[in-house]
Amino acid sequence: MIYPYFMCTGWHARRTNCERKSMFVPDIEAAVEDYYRHVQIPEAP
């Protein structure tokens, strides 16, 4: 069975101090979409 979660491989392999075990993929996608709503690309000089 496939679960729609993203897991920090650094945490899983105990190579980093990442504290987040896993995140639901739709939640990540929504966070990225929300972030890009606030990003403004500066005009070229």
C-alpha atoms as a PDB file:
ATOM      1  CA  MET A   1       0.000   0.000   0.000  1.00  0.00           C
ATOM      2  CA  ILE A   2       1.205   3.518  -0.795  1.00  0.00           C
ATOM      3  CA  TYR A   3       0.669   6.305   1.727  1.00  0.00           C
ATOM      4  CA  PRO A   4       0.658   9.934   0.524  1.00  0.00           C
ATOM      5  CA  TYR A   5       3.226  11.181   3.040  1.00  0.00           C
ATOM      6  CA  PHE A   6       6.600  12.858   2.660  1.00  0.00           C
ATOM      7  CA  MET A   7       9.198  11.681   5.148  1.00  0.00           C
ATOM      8  CA  CYS A   8      12.404  13.506   5.986  1.00  0.00           C
ATOM      9  CA  THR A   9      15.093  11.063   4.878  1.00  0.00           C
ATOM     10  CA  GLY A  10      17.624  12.769   7.153  1.00  0.00           C
ATOM     11  CA  TRP A  11      15.412  12.025  10.149  1.00  0.00           C
ATOM     12  CA  HIS A  12      14.659   8.531   8.962  1.00  0.00           C
ATOM     13  CA  ALA A  13      18.373   7.729   8.549  1.00  0.00           C
ATOM     14  CA  ARG A  14      19.235   9.689  11.720  1.00  0.00           C
ATOM     15  CA  ARG A  15      21.661  11.930   9.782  1.00  0.00           C
ATOM     16  CA  THR A  16      20.037  15.254  10.675  1.00  0.00           C
ATOM     17  CA  ASN A  17      18.325  16.839  13.643  1.00  0.00           C
ATOM     18  CA  CYS A  18      15.049  17.135  11.720  1.00  0.00           C
ATOM     19  CA  GLU A  19      12.178  16.865  14.203  1.00  0.00           C
ATOM     20  CA  ARG A  20       9.335  16.377  11.719  1.00  0.00           C
ATOM     21  CA  LYS A  21       8.728  12.703  11.097  1.00  0.00           C
ATOM     22  CA  SER A  22       6.316  12.909   8.154  1.00  0.00           C
ATOM     23  CA  MET A  23       3.885  15.246   6.446  1.00  0.00           C
ATOM     24  CA  PHE A  24       0.737  14.574   4.454  1.00  0.00           C
ATOM     25  CA  VAL A  25       1.459  15.430   0.797  1.00  0.00           C
ATOM     26  CA  PRO A  26      -1.695  17.557   0.249  1.00  0.00           C
ATOM     27  CA  ASP A  27      -0.675  19.672   3.269  1.00  0.00           C
ATOM     28  CA  ILE A  28       2.773  20.257   1.744  1.00  0.00           C
ATOM     29  CA  GLU A  29       1.233  21.196  -1.609  1.00  0.00           C
ATOM     30  CA  ALA A  30      -1.119  23.679   0.082  1.00  0.00           C
ATOM     31  CA  ALA A  31       1.790  25.240   2.008  1.00  0.00           C
ATOM     32  CA  VAL A  32       3.810  25.671  -1.200  1.00  0.00           C
ATOM     33  CA  GLU A  33       0.840  27.247  -2.971  1.00  0.00           C
ATOM     34  CA  ASP A  34       0.305  29.625  -0.046  1.00  0.00           C
ATOM     35  CA  TYR A  35       3.996  30.566  -0.007  1.00  0.00           C
ATOM     36  CA  TYR A  36       4.007  31.402  -3.722  1.00  0.00           C
ATOM     37  CA  ARG A  37       0.945  33.633  -3.313  1.00  0.00           C
ATOM     38  CA  HIS A  38       3.208  35.974  -1.319  1.00  0.00           C
ATOM     39  CA  VAL A  39       6.340  35.818  -3.503  1.00  0.00           C
ATOM     40  CA  GLN A  40       6.958  38.800  -5.744  1.00  0.00           C
ATOM     41  CA  ILE A  41       9.506  38.678  -8.531  1.00  0.00           C
ATOM     42  CA  PRO A  42      11.356  42.004  -8.774  1.00  0.00           C
ATOM     43  CA  GLU A  43      11.326  43.817 -12.100  1.00  0.00           C
ATOM     44  CA  ALA A  44      14.496  43.706 -14.157  1.00  0.00           C
ATOM     45  CA  PRO A  45      16.617  46.882 -13.836  1.00  0.00           C
END
